[in-house]
C-alpha atoms as a PDB file:
ATOM      1  CA  MET A   1      48.696 -12.011 130.143  1.00  0.00           C
ATOM      2  CA  THR A   2      48.365 -13.600 133.587  1.00  0.00           C
ATOM      3  CA  ALA A   3      45.209 -14.705 135.400  1.00  0.00           C
ATOM      4  CA  LEU A   4      45.423 -11.648 137.660  1.00  0.00           C
ATOM      5  CA  ASP A   5      45.737  -9.383 134.606  1.00  0.00           C
ATOM      6  CA  SER A   6      42.580 -10.934 133.160  1.00  0.00           C
ATOM      7  CA  ILE A   7      40.623 -10.452 136.379  1.00  0.00           C
ATOM      8  CA  LEU A   8      41.745  -6.843 136.766  1.00  0.00           C
ATOM      9  CA  LEU A   9      40.982  -5.981 133.141  1.00  0.00           C
ATOM     10  CA  GLY A  10      37.591  -7.671 133.467  1.00  0.00           C
ATOM     11  CA  LEU A  11      36.873  -5.503 136.516  1.00  0.00           C
ATOM     12  CA  VAL A  12      37.885  -2.392 134.581  1.00  0.00           C
ATOM     13  CA  GLN A  13      35.593  -3.349 131.707  1.00  0.00           C
ATOM     14  CA  GLY A  14      32.638  -4.241 133.913  1.00  0.00           C
ATOM     15  CA  LEU A  15      32.834  -1.139 136.095  1.00  0.00           C
ATOM     16  CA  THR A  16      33.287   1.293 133.197  1.00  0.00           C
ATOM     17  CA  GLU A  17      31.030  -0.229 130.499  1.00  0.00           C
ATOM     18  CA  PHE A  18      27.866   1.372 131.867  1.00  0.00           C
ATOM     19  CA  LEU A  19      29.409   4.490 133.364  1.00  0.00           C
ATOM     20  CA  PRO A  20      29.950   7.300 130.818  1.00  0.00           C
ATOM     21  CA  VAL A  21      33.745   7.144 131.000  1.00  0.00           C
ATOM     22  CA  SER A  22      34.612   4.776 128.099  1.00  0.00           C
ATOM     23  CA  SER A  23      35.269   1.147 128.931  1.00  0.00           C
ATOM     24  CA  SER A  24      37.410   0.698 125.810  1.00  0.00           C
ATOM     25  CA  GLY A  25      39.542   3.683 126.787  1.00  0.00           C
ATOM     26  CA  HIS A  26      39.996   2.424 130.329  1.00  0.00           C
ATOM     27  CA  LEU A  27      40.754  -1.054 129.025  1.00  0.00           C
ATOM     28  CA  THR A  28      43.537   0.425 126.899  1.00  0.00           C
ATOM     29  CA  ILE A  29      44.825   2.353 129.912  1.00  0.00           C
ATOM     30  CA  GLY A  30      44.641  -0.801 132.054  1.00  0.00           C
ATOM     31  CA  LYS A  31      46.614  -2.807 129.512  1.00  0.00           C
ATOM     32  CA  GLU A  32      49.232  -0.052 129.350  1.00  0.00           C
ATOM     33  CA  VAL A  33      49.570   0.103 133.146  1.00  0.00           C
ATOM     34  CA  LEU A  34      49.791  -3.687 133.476  1.00  0.00           C
ATOM     35  CA  GLY A  35      52.112  -4.005 130.505  1.00  0.00           C
ATOM     36  CA  VAL A  36      49.689  -6.355 128.752  1.00  0.00           C
ATOM     37  CA  THR A  37      49.734  -6.774 124.986  1.00  0.00           C
ATOM     38  CA  THR A  38      47.268  -8.880 123.010  1.00  0.00           C
ATOM     39  CA  PRO A  39      47.558  -9.895 119.342  1.00  0.00           C
ATOM     40  CA  ASP A  40      43.940  -9.059 118.507  1.00  0.00           C
ATOM     41  CA  LEU A  41      40.683  -7.902 120.069  1.00  0.00           C
ATOM     42  CA  SER A  42      39.676 -11.275 121.537  1.00  0.00           C
ATOM     43  CA  LEU A  43      39.965  -9.986 125.102  1.00  0.00           C
ATOM     44  CA  GLU A  44      37.939  -6.876 124.310  1.00  0.00           C
ATOM     45  CA  ILE A  45      35.194  -8.907 122.630  1.00  0.00           C
ATOM     46  CA  VAL A  46      35.019 -11.429 125.486  1.00  0.00           C
ATOM     47  CA  VAL A  47      34.706  -8.837 128.250  1.00  0.00           C
ATOM     48  CA  HIS A  48      32.227  -6.792 126.205  1.00  0.00           C
ATOM     49  CA  ALA A  49      30.112  -9.913 125.760  1.00  0.00           C
ATOM     50  CA  ALA A  50      30.267 -10.427 129.528  1.00  0.00           C
ATOM     51  CA  THR A  51      28.887  -6.965 130.240  1.00  0.00           C
ATOM     52  CA  VAL A  52      26.178  -7.485 127.644  1.00  0.00           C
ATOM     53  CA  LEU A  53      25.221 -10.661 129.509  1.00  0.00           C
ATOM     54  CA  SER A  54      24.993  -8.616 132.706  1.00  0.00           C
ATOM     55  CA  THR A  55      22.640  -6.260 130.844  1.00  0.00           C
ATOM     56  CA  LEU A  56      20.457  -9.241 129.933  1.00  0.00           C
ATOM     57  CA  VAL A  57      20.258 -10.172 133.606  1.00  0.00           C
ATOM     58  CA  VAL A  58      19.447  -6.658 134.832  1.00  0.00           C
ATOM     59  CA  PHE A  59      16.793  -6.071 132.136  1.00  0.00           C
ATOM     60  CA  ARG A  60      15.513  -9.645 131.944  1.00  0.00           C
ATOM     61  CA  ARG A  61      11.917  -8.700 132.757  1.00  0.00           C
ATOM     62  CA  GLU A  62      11.844  -5.895 130.183  1.00  0.00           C
ATOM     63  CA  ILE A  63      13.417  -8.153 127.536  1.00  0.00           C
ATOM     64  CA  ILE A  64      10.914 -10.940 128.175  1.00  0.00           C
ATOM     65  CA  GLN A  65       8.077  -8.412 127.909  1.00  0.00           C
ATOM     66  CA  LEU A  66       9.465  -7.045 124.636  1.00  0.00           C
ATOM     67  CA  LEU A  67       9.820 -10.514 123.124  1.00  0.00           C
ATOM     68  CA  ALA A  68       6.330 -11.500 124.269  1.00  0.00           C
ATOM     69  CA  GLY A  69       4.928  -8.451 122.487  1.00  0.00           C
ATOM     70  CA  LEU A  70       6.991  -9.117 119.370  1.00  0.00           C
ATOM     71  CA  PHE A  71       5.735 -12.668 119.011  1.00  0.00           C
ATOM     72  CA  LYS A  72       2.138 -11.541 119.033  1.00  0.00           C
ATOM     73  CA  PHE A  73       2.952 -10.648 115.393  1.00  0.00           C
ATOM     74  CA  ARG A  74       1.095  -7.375 115.406  1.00  0.00           C
ATOM     75  CA  MET A  75       2.069  -3.763 116.010  1.00  0.00           C
ATOM     76  CA  ASN A  76       2.066  -2.920 119.703  1.00  0.00           C
ATOM     77  CA  PRO A  77       4.263  -0.818 122.047  1.00  0.00           C
ATOM     78  CA  GLU A  78       6.755  -3.687 122.470  1.00  0.00           C
ATOM     79  CA  THR A  79       7.116  -4.294 118.728  1.00  0.00           C
ATOM     80  CA  ASP A  80       7.470  -0.561 118.127  1.00  0.00           C
ATOM     81  CA  TYR A  81      10.267  -0.381 120.711  1.00  0.00           C
ATOM     82  CA  ILE A  82      12.120  -3.309 119.134  1.00  0.00           C
ATOM     83  CA  PHE A  83      11.859  -1.657 115.710  1.00  0.00           C
ATOM     84  CA  LYS A  84      13.445   1.456 117.205  1.00  0.00           C
ATOM     85  CA  ILE A  85      16.307  -0.672 118.538  1.00  0.00           C
ATOM     86  CA  VAL A  86      16.743  -2.152 115.043  1.00  0.00           C
ATOM     87  CA  VAL A  87      16.890   1.362 113.556  1.00  0.00           C
ATOM     88  CA  SER A  88      19.517   2.374 116.136  1.00  0.00           C
ATOM     89  CA  MET A  89      21.674  -0.621 115.146  1.00  0.00           C
ATOM     90  CA  ILE A  90      21.987   0.387 111.477  1.00  0.00           C
ATOM     91  CA  PRO A  91      24.895   2.867 111.893  1.00  0.00           C
ATOM     92  CA  VAL A  92      27.032   0.535 114.030  1.00  0.00           C
ATOM     93  CA  MET A  93      26.393  -2.343 111.635  1.00  0.00           C
ATOM     94  CA  VAL A  94      27.624  -0.184 108.750  1.00  0.00           C
ATOM     95  CA  VAL A  95      30.782   0.660 110.703  1.00  0.00           C
ATOM     96  CA  GLY A  96      31.309  -2.974 111.664  1.00  0.00           C
ATOM     97  CA  LEU A  97      30.892  -4.267 108.117  1.00  0.00           C
ATOM     98  CA  LEU A  98      32.854  -1.582 106.258  1.00  0.00           C
ATOM     99  CA  PHE A  99      35.432  -0.278 108.735  1.00  0.00           C
ATOM    100  CA  LYS A 100      36.262  -3.202 111.056  1.00  0.00           C
ATOM    101  CA  ASP A 101      39.969  -3.293 110.111  1.00  0.00           C
ATOM    102  CA  GLN A 102      40.352   0.454 110.579  1.00  0.00           C
ATOM    103  CA  VAL A 103      38.671   0.312 113.989  1.00  0.00           C
ATOM    104  CA  GLU A 104      40.934  -2.532 115.119  1.00  0.00           C
ATOM    105  CA  ALA A 105      43.966  -0.518 114.001  1.00  0.00           C
ATOM    106  CA  ILE A 106      42.811   2.472 116.064  1.00  0.00           C
ATOM    107  CA  PHE A 107      42.529   0.252 119.156  1.00  0.00           C
ATOM    108  CA  GLY A 108      46.240  -0.412 118.914  1.00  0.00           C
ATOM    109  CA  SER A 109      47.250   3.202 118.365  1.00  0.00           C
ATOM    110  CA  GLY A 110      48.114   4.014 121.992  1.00  0.00           C
ATOM    111  CA  LEU A 111      47.029   6.470 124.668  1.00  0.00           C
ATOM    112  CA  LEU A 112      47.125   9.648 122.571  1.00  0.00           C
ATOM    113  CA  ILE A 113      43.934   8.690 120.691  1.00  0.00           C
ATOM    114  CA  VAL A 114      42.352   7.512 123.946  1.00  0.00           C
ATOM    115  CA  GLY A 115      43.151  10.839 125.609  1.00  0.00           C
ATOM    116  CA  ILE A 116      41.744  12.886 122.732  1.00  0.00           C
ATOM    117  CA  CYS A 117      38.560  10.813 122.647  1.00  0.00           C
ATOM    118  CA  LEU A 118      38.155  11.062 126.437  1.00  0.00           C
ATOM    119  CA  MET A 119      38.286  14.834 126.036  1.00  0.00           C
ATOM    120  CA  GLY A 120      35.553  14.462 123.407  1.00  0.00           C
ATOM    121  CA  THR A 121      33.500  12.449 125.892  1.00  0.00           C
ATOM    122  CA  ALA A 122      33.977  15.190 128.494  1.00  0.00           C
ATOM    123  CA  ILE A 123      32.736  17.846 126.062  1.00  0.00           C
ATOM    124  CA  LEU A 124      29.687  15.780 125.110  1.00  0.00           C
ATOM    125  CA  LEU A 125      28.759  15.066 128.730  1.00  0.00           C
ATOM    126  CA  SER A 126      29.208  18.731 129.628  1.00  0.00           C
ATOM    127  CA  ALA A 127      26.935  19.782 126.762  1.00  0.00           C
ATOM    128  CA  SER A 128      24.198  17.423 127.943  1.00  0.00           C
ATOM    129  CA  ASN A 129      24.506  18.868 131.439  1.00  0.00           C
ATOM    130  CA  TYR A 130      23.338  22.264 130.197  1.00  0.00           C
ATOM    131  CA  THR A 131      20.530  20.964 127.996  1.00  0.00           C
ATOM    132  CA  LYS A 132      17.080  21.586 129.369  1.00  0.00           C
ATOM    133  CA  SER A 133      15.083  18.347 129.485  1.00  0.00           C
ATOM    134  CA  LYS A 134      11.991  18.342 127.268  1.00  0.00           C
ATOM    135  CA  GLU A 135      10.776  14.922 128.420  1.00  0.00           C
ATOM    136  CA  ARG A 136       9.965  13.723 124.902  1.00  0.00           C
ATOM    137  CA  GLU A 137       9.030  10.198 123.979  1.00  0.00           C
ATOM    138  CA  LEU A 138      11.662   8.228 122.076  1.00  0.00           C
ATOM    139  CA  SER A 139      11.038   8.570 118.326  1.00  0.00           C
ATOM    140  CA  TYR A 140      12.494   6.716 115.323  1.00  0.00           C
ATOM    141  CA  LYS A 141      14.472   9.825 114.390  1.00  0.00           C
ATOM    142  CA  SER A 142      15.936  10.011 117.891  1.00  0.00           C
ATOM    143  CA  ALA A 143      16.728   6.287 117.786  1.00  0.00           C
ATOM    144  CA  LEU A 144      18.685   6.750 114.544  1.00  0.00           C
ATOM    145  CA  ILE A 145      20.629   9.752 115.859  1.00  0.00           C
ATOM    146  CA  ILE A 146      21.447   7.889 119.079  1.00  0.00           C
ATOM    147  CA  GLY A 147      22.546   4.961 116.899  1.00  0.00           C
ATOM    148  CA  ILE A 148      24.920   7.257 114.995  1.00  0.00           C
ATOM    149  CA  ALA A 149      26.383   8.363 118.340  1.00  0.00           C
ATOM    150  CA  GLN A 150      26.899   4.715 119.244  1.00  0.00           C
ATOM    151  CA  ALA A 151      28.647   4.042 115.929  1.00  0.00           C
ATOM    152  CA  VAL A 152      31.050   6.955 116.421  1.00  0.00           C
ATOM    153  CA  ALA A 153      31.739   5.724 119.948  1.00  0.00           C
ATOM    154  CA  VAL A 154      33.566   2.647 118.655  1.00  0.00           C
ATOM    155  CA  LEU A 155      36.655   4.848 119.035  1.00  0.00           C
ATOM    156  CA  PRO A 156      38.579   3.972 122.222  1.00  0.00           C
ATOM    157  CA  GLY A 157      38.057   6.725 124.766  1.00  0.00           C
ATOM    158  CA  LEU A 158      34.740   7.898 123.368  1.00  0.00           C
ATOM    159  CA  SER A 159      32.233   6.456 125.808  1.00  0.00           C
ATOM    160  CA  ARG A 160      29.433   4.443 124.197  1.00  0.00           C
ATOM    161  CA  SER A 161      27.015   4.828 127.102  1.00  0.00           C
ATOM    162  CA  GLY A 162      28.078   8.439 127.603  1.00  0.00           C
ATOM    163  CA  SER A 163      27.623   9.257 123.908  1.00  0.00           C
ATOM    164  CA  THR A 164      24.221   7.602 123.598  1.00  0.00           C
ATOM    165  CA  ILE A 165      22.826   8.864 126.899  1.00  0.00           C
ATOM    166  CA  ALA A 166      24.141  12.408 126.397  1.00  0.00           C
ATOM    167  CA  THR A 167      22.805  12.470 122.824  1.00  0.00           C
ATOM    168  CA  GLY A 168      19.418  11.264 124.023  1.00  0.00           C
ATOM    169  CA  MET A 169      19.345  13.910 126.732  1.00  0.00           C
ATOM    170  CA  MET A 170      20.221  16.652 124.220  1.00  0.00           C
ATOM    171  CA  LEU A 171      17.403  15.383 122.005  1.00  0.00           C
ATOM    172  CA  GLY A 172      15.057  15.816 124.954  1.00  0.00           C
ATOM    173  CA  VAL A 173      14.245  12.126 125.434  1.00  0.00           C
ATOM    174  CA  LYS A 174      12.939  11.235 128.884  1.00  0.00           C
ATOM    175  CA  LYS A 175      15.749  10.236 131.252  1.00  0.00           C
ATOM    176  CA  ASP A 176      14.112   7.001 132.350  1.00  0.00           C
ATOM    177  CA  GLN A 177      13.758   5.962 128.694  1.00  0.00           C
ATOM    178  CA  ILE A 178      17.217   6.899 127.425  1.00  0.00           C
ATOM    179  CA  ALA A 179      19.153   4.899 130.034  1.00  0.00           C
ATOM    180  CA  LYS A 180      17.252   1.696 129.296  1.00  0.00           C
ATOM    181  CA  PHE A 181      17.390   2.243 125.533  1.00  0.00           C
ATOM    182  CA  SER A 182      21.138   2.936 125.644  1.00  0.00           C
ATOM    183  CA  PHE A 183      21.834  -0.361 127.358  1.00  0.00           C
ATOM    184  CA  LEU A 184      19.408  -2.475 125.316  1.00  0.00           C
ATOM    185  CA  MET A 185      20.464  -1.170 121.898  1.00  0.00           C
ATOM    186  CA  VAL A 186      23.977  -2.609 122.239  1.00  0.00           C
ATOM    187  CA  LEU A 187      22.887  -6.176 122.985  1.00  0.00           C
ATOM    188  CA  VAL A 188      22.563  -7.530 119.454  1.00  0.00           C
ATOM    189  CA  PRO A 189      25.697  -5.874 117.933  1.00  0.00           C
ATOM    190  CA  ILE A 190      28.057  -7.051 120.691  1.00  0.00           C
ATOM    191  CA  LEU A 191      26.619 -10.545 121.053  1.00  0.00           C
ATOM    192  CA  GLY A 192      26.457 -10.864 117.269  1.00  0.00           C
ATOM    193  CA  GLU A 193      30.126  -9.928 116.909  1.00  0.00           C
ATOM    194  CA  ALA A 194      31.129 -12.361 119.643  1.00  0.00           C
ATOM    195  CA  PHE A 195      29.112 -15.154 118.018  1.00  0.00           C
ATOM    196  CA  LEU A 196      30.577 -14.538 114.558  1.00  0.00           C
ATOM    197  CA  ASP A 197      34.124 -14.564 115.930  1.00  0.00           C
ATOM    198  CA  LEU A 198      33.361 -17.722 117.893  1.00  0.00           C
ATOM    199  CA  VAL A 199      32.046 -19.701 114.925  1.00  0.00           C
ATOM    200  CA  SER A 200      34.859 -18.421 112.707  1.00  0.00           C
ATOM    201  CA  GLY A 201      37.488 -19.643 115.144  1.00  0.00           C
ATOM    202  CA  GLU A 202      38.720 -16.218 116.249  1.00  0.00           C
ATOM    203  CA  PHE A 203      38.711 -17.330 119.880  1.00  0.00           C
ATOM    204  CA  ALA A 204      40.826 -20.434 119.296  1.00  0.00           C
ATOM    205  CA  ALA A 205      43.979 -20.389 121.417  1.00  0.00           C
ATOM    206  CA  SER A 206      46.125 -20.883 118.336  1.00  0.00           C
ATOM    207  CA  ARG A 207      44.568 -17.802 116.718  1.00  0.00           C
ATOM    208  CA  SER A 208      44.402 -15.345 119.619  1.00  0.00           C
ATOM    209  CA  GLY A 209      47.449 -16.539 121.523  1.00  0.00           C
ATOM    210  CA  LEU A 210      45.554 -16.042 124.800  1.00  0.00           C
ATOM    211  CA  ASP A 211      44.974 -18.673 127.473  1.00  0.00           C
ATOM    212  CA  PRO A 212      41.287 -19.746 127.387  1.00  0.00           C
ATOM    213  CA  VAL A 213      41.305 -19.969 131.201  1.00  0.00           C
ATOM    214  CA  ASN A 214      42.470 -16.364 131.485  1.00  0.00           C
ATOM    215  CA  LEU A 215      39.836 -15.251 128.990  1.00  0.00           C
ATOM    216  CA  SER A 216      37.213 -17.049 131.096  1.00  0.00           C
ATOM    217  CA  LEU A 217      38.412 -15.313 134.255  1.00  0.00           C
ATOM    218  CA  GLY A 218      38.164 -11.962 132.490  1.00  0.00           C
ATOM    219  CA  PHE A 219      34.646 -12.827 131.349  1.00  0.00           C
ATOM    220  CA  VAL A 220      33.462 -13.715 134.880  1.00  0.00           C
ATOM    221  CA  SER A 221      35.117 -10.633 136.379  1.00  0.00           C
ATOM    222  CA  ALA A 222      33.523  -8.321 133.804  1.00  0.00           C
ATOM    223  CA  PHE A 223      30.108  -9.965 134.224  1.00  0.00           C
ATOM    224  CA  VAL A 224      29.981  -9.618 138.019  1.00  0.00           C
ATOM    225  CA  SER A 225      31.268  -6.040 138.113  1.00  0.00           C
ATOM    226  CA  GLY A 226      28.994  -5.151 135.173  1.00  0.00           C
ATOM    227  CA  LEU A 227      25.904  -6.164 137.156  1.00  0.00           C
ATOM    228  CA  LEU A 228      26.779  -3.610 139.811  1.00  0.00           C
ATOM    229  CA  ALA A 229      27.730  -0.821 137.410  1.00  0.00           C
ATOM    230  CA  CYS A 230      24.591  -1.218 135.288  1.00  0.00           C
ATOM    231  CA  LYS A 231      22.284  -0.761 138.277  1.00  0.00           C
ATOM    232  CA  ILE A 232      24.298   2.217 139.519  1.00  0.00           C
ATOM    233  CA  MET A 233      24.181   3.996 136.162  1.00  0.00           C
ATOM    234  CA  ILE A 234      20.412   3.589 135.793  1.00  0.00           C
ATOM    235  CA  ALA A 235      19.929   5.299 139.151  1.00  0.00           C
ATOM    236  CA  LEU A 236      22.442   8.055 138.326  1.00  0.00           C
ATOM    237  CA  VAL A 237      20.864   8.988 134.993  1.00  0.00           C
ATOM    238  CA  LYS A 238      17.448   9.345 136.595  1.00  0.00           C
ATOM    239  CA  LYS A 239      18.604  11.493 139.511  1.00  0.00           C
ATOM    240  CA  THR A 240      21.816  13.341 138.697  1.00  0.00           C
ATOM    241  CA  LYS A 241      23.654  15.317 136.038  1.00  0.00           C
ATOM    242  CA  LEU A 242      26.694  13.925 134.205  1.00  0.00           C
ATOM    243  CA  LEU A 243      29.041  16.859 134.871  1.00  0.00           C
ATOM    244  CA  GLY A 244      31.066  14.915 137.445  1.00  0.00           C
ATOM    245  CA  PHE A 245      31.824  12.237 134.855  1.00  0.00           C
ATOM    246  CA  ALA A 246      32.754  14.966 132.348  1.00  0.00           C
ATOM    247  CA  ILE A 247      35.333  16.383 134.755  1.00  0.00           C
ATOM    248  CA  TYR A 248      36.700  12.888 135.410  1.00  0.00           C
ATOM    249  CA  CYS A 249      37.023  12.149 131.672  1.00  0.00           C
ATOM    250  CA  ALA A 250      38.769  15.469 131.092  1.00  0.00           C
ATOM    251  CA  ILE A 251      41.318  14.779 133.840  1.00  0.00           C
ATOM    252  CA  ILE A 252      42.041  11.237 132.647  1.00  0.00           C
ATOM    253  CA  GLY A 253      42.118  12.418 129.024  1.00  0.00           C
ATOM    254  CA  ILE A 254      44.701  15.109 129.781  1.00  0.00           C
ATOM    255  CA  GLY A 255      46.712  12.541 131.728  1.00  0.00           C
ATOM    256  CA  CYS A 256      46.705  10.130 128.778  1.00  0.00           C
ATOM    257  CA  ILE A 257      47.784  12.836 126.337  1.00  0.00           C
ATOM    258  CA  LEU A 258      50.636  13.988 128.579  1.00  0.00           C
ATOM    259  CA  TYR A 259      51.728  10.415 129.273  1.00  0.00           C
ATOM    260  CA  SER A 260      51.765   9.593 125.556  1.00  0.00           C
ATOM    261  CA  GLN A 261      54.100  12.537 124.941  1.00  0.00           C
ATOM    262  CA  ILE A 262      56.495  11.590 127.755  1.00  0.00           C
ATOM    263  CA  ILE A 263      57.066   7.909 126.947  1.00  0.00           C
END
């Protein structure tokens, strides 16, 4: 993997992480187009951590407010919101602890799985497009269901942001709440995974086989492009439907399926 490959893949990750089109699916497509192969998921974890860092920057005021409320050590709106985030993390933690090897195997299974999952993303986004908004407040039950959607979306091609936002919309959660919640709920799982792999030596050059400089370039590229994409998606969720993204996912999904049958 060259430096240019790392930068391009970082751009793909950053631009698609917050848009409901599956960053993991597009990363797989990008690697296929560039002819890049990696021995493990070090690249994926690094660029995901970069986009999580961009989320921290975009929502820095909200995060500081939440932490300030939490450390008052009494129940308040901020503590309640953090508890809902914790509830939403339970499903993805179960998947990460019990099915990590299976998930990593799926990531290396090629474009057929990506195409099928992109079609699933298209169906989910289309369904949310025809759901009448009920403008409900985010509840613990909704947080858990959205968390289950996030856990299922570990599959490459099934958009995490698309799955969580569409699920929230179908549950009737207010649009301005679901976008922010979708982006904040992923912070701890992704950063936690990156930290555990870092302290265990998973990112060592001898283990991953990837140039640390190239990984750094991918990180910076994903972080910068992620800042832009995060702000764009927040505005889109508040003002527009997701049908356009559904059509895009369907087209790319069909393309991946056909391509996988040709090669």
